[in-house]
Amino acid sequence: MTLLLDEQRIPRYFYAHAIHANTKLIHSLNAKYPQEDLHLSVMELHFDGHNGDHLLVFIKIPSKHEVYLIDIGSHAEIFR
C-alpha cells in the first residue's frame, strides 16, 4: 500500500499490469470526482509473482493522492 500511495515503482515481481475496466466502475468514479479529468487505468498485481493467483485490483487517482481498491482474491473469485 505504501508503494501505491507514495507513487513508487512496484517491483516487477508483482507483475502489475492494466486490465479492462468495468464501465459501471469507471462511471461511478467519474461521478465521484466530477471536477477531475480522470484518465483511469484499472491495475492488477499478483502478490505471489507473475504466475500467482492472489490478486489485488486497484485504480490510482494521482491528483487526489488516493488509491481505490476494487477487489482482492483469486482469479476465480474476482473474474466470475
N, C-alpha and C. Protein backbone atom coordinates (compact mmCIF):
# COMPACT_ATOMS: atom_id res chain seq x y z
N MET A 1 0.83 -1.19 0.00
CA MET A 1 0.00 0.00 0.00
C MET A 1 0.87 1.25 0.00
N THR A 2 1.98 1.20 0.74
CA THR A 2 2.87 2.35 0.79
C THR A 2 3.41 2.69 -0.59
N LEU A 3 3.79 1.68 -1.36
CA LEU A 3 4.29 1.92 -2.71
C LEU A 3 3.23 2.60 -3.57
N LEU A 4 2.00 2.16 -3.46
CA LEU A 4 0.92 2.74 -4.26
C LEU A 4 0.65 4.19 -3.86
N LEU A 5 0.53 4.43 -2.57
CA LEU A 5 0.21 5.78 -2.10
C LEU A 5 1.35 6.77 -2.32
N ASP A 6 2.58 6.29 -2.22
CA ASP A 6 3.73 7.17 -2.42
C ASP A 6 4.16 7.23 -3.88
N GLU A 7 3.38 6.60 -4.74
CA GLU A 7 3.64 6.56 -6.18
C GLU A 7 5.04 6.08 -6.51
N GLN A 8 5.48 5.07 -5.75
CA GLN A 8 6.76 4.45 -6.01
C GLN A 8 6.59 3.31 -7.01
N ARG A 9 7.67 2.94 -7.63
CA ARG A 9 7.65 1.85 -8.61
C ARG A 9 7.34 0.53 -7.90
N ILE A 10 6.39 -0.21 -8.44
CA ILE A 10 6.04 -1.52 -7.89
C ILE A 10 7.05 -2.52 -8.45
N PRO A 11 7.70 -3.30 -7.60
CA PRO A 11 8.68 -4.27 -8.09
C PRO A 11 8.09 -5.21 -9.15
N ARG A 12 8.89 -5.54 -10.15
CA ARG A 12 8.45 -6.38 -11.27
C ARG A 12 7.89 -7.72 -10.81
N TYR A 13 8.36 -8.20 -9.68
CA TYR A 13 7.90 -9.48 -9.13
C TYR A 13 6.38 -9.54 -9.06
N PHE A 14 5.73 -8.40 -8.75
CA PHE A 14 4.28 -8.38 -8.55
C PHE A 14 3.50 -8.31 -9.85
N TYR A 15 4.18 -8.18 -10.98
CA TYR A 15 3.56 -8.19 -12.30
C TYR A 15 2.33 -7.27 -12.35
N ALA A 16 2.52 -6.02 -11.98
CA ALA A 16 1.43 -5.03 -12.05
C ALA A 16 1.18 -4.70 -13.51
N HIS A 17 -0.08 -4.78 -13.92
CA HIS A 17 -0.43 -4.51 -15.31
C HIS A 17 -1.88 -4.02 -15.40
N ALA A 18 -2.16 -3.29 -16.46
CA ALA A 18 -3.51 -2.77 -16.68
C ALA A 18 -4.43 -3.89 -17.14
N ILE A 19 -5.69 -3.78 -16.74
CA ILE A 19 -6.72 -4.72 -17.20
C ILE A 19 -7.91 -3.91 -17.68
N HIS A 20 -8.83 -4.56 -18.38
CA HIS A 20 -10.00 -3.88 -18.91
C HIS A 20 -10.91 -3.44 -17.77
N ALA A 21 -11.36 -2.20 -17.83
CA ALA A 21 -12.19 -1.63 -16.77
C ALA A 21 -13.67 -1.90 -17.00
N ASN A 22 -14.35 -2.17 -15.92
CA ASN A 22 -15.79 -2.31 -15.92
C ASN A 22 -16.39 -0.91 -16.14
N THR A 23 -17.24 -0.74 -17.12
CA THR A 23 -17.83 0.57 -17.45
C THR A 23 -18.58 1.17 -16.27
N LYS A 24 -19.30 0.35 -15.53
CA LYS A 24 -20.05 0.84 -14.37
C LYS A 24 -19.10 1.44 -13.32
N LEU A 25 -17.97 0.79 -13.10
CA LEU A 25 -16.99 1.28 -12.14
C LEU A 25 -16.41 2.62 -12.59
N ILE A 26 -16.04 2.73 -13.84
CA ILE A 26 -15.48 3.98 -14.37
C ILE A 26 -16.49 5.11 -14.26
N HIS A 27 -17.76 4.85 -14.58
CA HIS A 27 -18.81 5.87 -14.46
C HIS A 27 -18.98 6.32 -13.01
N SER A 28 -18.94 5.37 -12.07
CA SER A 28 -19.12 5.74 -10.67
C SER A 28 -17.93 6.57 -10.16
N LEU A 29 -16.73 6.26 -10.60
CA LEU A 29 -15.57 7.06 -10.19
C LEU A 29 -15.59 8.44 -10.82
N ASN A 30 -16.00 8.53 -12.06
CA ASN A 30 -16.12 9.84 -12.71
C ASN A 30 -17.19 10.68 -12.02
N ALA A 31 -18.24 10.05 -11.52
CA ALA A 31 -19.28 10.78 -10.79
C ALA A 31 -18.77 11.24 -9.42
N LYS A 32 -17.90 10.44 -8.82
CA LYS A 32 -17.34 10.78 -7.51
C LYS A 32 -16.36 11.95 -7.62
N TYR A 33 -15.70 12.06 -8.75
CA TYR A 33 -14.70 13.12 -8.96
C TYR A 33 -15.08 13.94 -10.21
N PRO A 34 -16.21 14.65 -10.18
CA PRO A 34 -16.70 15.33 -11.38
C PRO A 34 -15.80 16.47 -11.86
N GLN A 35 -15.02 17.07 -11.00
CA GLN A 35 -14.16 18.18 -11.39
C GLN A 35 -12.80 17.71 -11.93
N GLU A 36 -12.55 16.45 -11.87
CA GLU A 36 -11.26 15.90 -12.29
C GLU A 36 -11.31 15.43 -13.74
N ASP A 37 -10.20 15.54 -14.40
CA ASP A 37 -10.06 14.97 -15.74
C ASP A 37 -9.40 13.62 -15.56
N LEU A 38 -10.20 12.63 -15.18
CA LEU A 38 -9.65 11.33 -14.83
C LEU A 38 -9.32 10.52 -16.07
N HIS A 39 -8.13 10.04 -16.11
CA HIS A 39 -7.71 9.09 -17.13
C HIS A 39 -7.32 7.84 -16.34
N LEU A 40 -8.33 7.05 -16.03
CA LEU A 40 -8.15 5.94 -15.11
C LEU A 40 -7.67 4.68 -15.82
N SER A 41 -6.78 4.01 -15.16
CA SER A 41 -6.30 2.73 -15.63
C SER A 41 -6.48 1.74 -14.48
N VAL A 42 -7.31 0.73 -14.71
CA VAL A 42 -7.51 -0.29 -13.69
C VAL A 42 -6.29 -1.21 -13.74
N MET A 43 -5.68 -1.40 -12.58
CA MET A 43 -4.46 -2.19 -12.48
C MET A 43 -4.70 -3.44 -11.65
N GLU A 44 -3.90 -4.43 -11.94
CA GLU A 44 -3.93 -5.69 -11.19
C GLU A 44 -2.49 -6.03 -10.85
N LEU A 45 -2.27 -6.51 -9.63
CA LEU A 45 -0.94 -7.03 -9.30
C LEU A 45 -1.09 -8.38 -8.64
N HIS A 46 -0.05 -9.19 -8.77
CA HIS A 46 -0.04 -10.55 -8.24
C HIS A 46 0.85 -10.59 -7.01
N PHE A 47 0.27 -10.93 -5.86
CA PHE A 47 1.04 -10.99 -4.62
C PHE A 47 2.13 -12.05 -4.68
N ASP A 48 1.90 -13.09 -5.46
CA ASP A 48 2.82 -14.23 -5.48
C ASP A 48 3.47 -14.41 -6.85
N GLY A 49 3.83 -13.30 -7.48
CA GLY A 49 4.57 -13.36 -8.73
C GLY A 49 3.69 -13.51 -9.97
N HIS A 50 4.33 -13.49 -11.12
CA HIS A 50 3.65 -13.46 -12.42
C HIS A 50 2.62 -14.58 -12.59
N ASN A 51 2.92 -15.78 -12.19
CA ASN A 51 2.01 -16.90 -12.37
C ASN A 51 1.14 -17.17 -11.16
N GLY A 52 1.20 -16.29 -10.18
CA GLY A 52 0.43 -16.48 -8.96
C GLY A 52 -1.05 -16.21 -9.14
N ASP A 53 -1.82 -16.60 -8.16
CA ASP A 53 -3.27 -16.45 -8.25
C ASP A 53 -3.85 -15.66 -7.08
N HIS A 54 -3.05 -14.82 -6.43
CA HIS A 54 -3.54 -13.94 -5.37
C HIS A 54 -3.40 -12.51 -5.86
N LEU A 55 -4.53 -11.87 -6.16
CA LEU A 55 -4.54 -10.61 -6.88
C LEU A 55 -5.08 -9.44 -6.06
N LEU A 56 -4.61 -8.26 -6.42
CA LEU A 56 -5.16 -7.01 -5.92
C LEU A 56 -5.49 -6.17 -7.15
N VAL A 57 -6.74 -5.72 -7.25
CA VAL A 57 -7.18 -4.89 -8.36
C VAL A 57 -7.44 -3.50 -7.80
N PHE A 58 -6.87 -2.48 -8.47
CA PHE A 58 -6.95 -1.13 -7.92
C PHE A 58 -6.87 -0.08 -9.02
N ILE A 59 -7.22 1.15 -8.66
CA ILE A 59 -7.07 2.32 -9.53
C ILE A 59 -6.35 3.39 -8.72
N LYS A 60 -5.32 3.98 -9.30
CA LYS A 60 -4.63 5.10 -8.65
C LYS A 60 -5.24 6.39 -9.18
N ILE A 61 -5.51 7.32 -8.27
CA ILE A 61 -6.01 8.64 -8.64
C ILE A 61 -4.96 9.63 -8.17
N PRO A 62 -3.93 9.87 -9.00
CA PRO A 62 -2.78 10.67 -8.59
C PRO A 62 -3.13 12.08 -8.15
N SER A 63 -4.07 12.73 -8.81
CA SER A 63 -4.39 14.12 -8.46
C SER A 63 -4.97 14.23 -7.05
N LYS A 64 -5.54 13.18 -6.54
CA LYS A 64 -6.11 13.16 -5.19
C LYS A 64 -5.22 12.43 -4.19
N HIS A 65 -4.11 11.87 -4.68
CA HIS A 65 -3.21 11.06 -3.86
C HIS A 65 -4.01 9.95 -3.18
N GLU A 66 -4.83 9.27 -3.99
CA GLU A 66 -5.69 8.20 -3.49
C GLU A 66 -5.49 6.95 -4.31
N VAL A 67 -5.76 5.83 -3.66
CA VAL A 67 -5.79 4.54 -4.33
C VAL A 67 -7.15 3.93 -4.02
N TYR A 68 -7.87 3.57 -5.06
CA TYR A 68 -9.20 2.99 -4.92
C TYR A 68 -9.06 1.48 -5.07
N LEU A 69 -9.23 0.74 -3.97
CA LEU A 69 -9.11 -0.71 -4.01
C LEU A 69 -10.41 -1.31 -4.50
N ILE A 70 -10.32 -2.06 -5.57
CA ILE A 70 -11.51 -2.62 -6.20
C ILE A 70 -11.81 -4.01 -5.68
N ASP A 71 -10.79 -4.86 -5.64
CA ASP A 71 -11.03 -6.24 -5.22
C ASP A 71 -9.71 -6.90 -4.83
N ILE A 72 -9.82 -7.98 -4.09
CA ILE A 72 -8.68 -8.79 -3.72
C ILE A 72 -9.15 -10.23 -3.67
N GLY A 73 -8.34 -11.14 -4.19
CA GLY A 73 -8.71 -12.55 -4.19
C GLY A 73 -8.05 -13.28 -5.34
N SER A 74 -8.55 -14.47 -5.63
CA SER A 74 -8.02 -15.27 -6.73
C SER A 74 -8.70 -14.87 -8.04
N HIS A 75 -8.16 -15.35 -9.17
CA HIS A 75 -8.80 -15.09 -10.46
C HIS A 75 -10.25 -15.58 -10.45
N ALA A 76 -10.47 -16.77 -9.91
CA ALA A 76 -11.81 -17.36 -9.89
C ALA A 76 -12.78 -16.52 -9.06
N GLU A 77 -12.31 -15.94 -7.98
CA GLU A 77 -13.17 -15.15 -7.11
C GLU A 77 -13.50 -13.78 -7.72
N ILE A 78 -12.52 -13.19 -8.37
CA ILE A 78 -12.70 -11.82 -8.88
C ILE A 78 -13.38 -11.79 -10.24
N PHE A 79 -12.98 -12.68 -11.14
CA PHE A 79 -13.46 -12.62 -12.52
C PHE A 79 -14.45 -13.75 -12.82
N ARG A 80 -15.53 -13.80 -12.11
CA ARG A 80 -16.58 -14.83 -12.28
C ARG A 80 -17.40 -14.53 -13.50
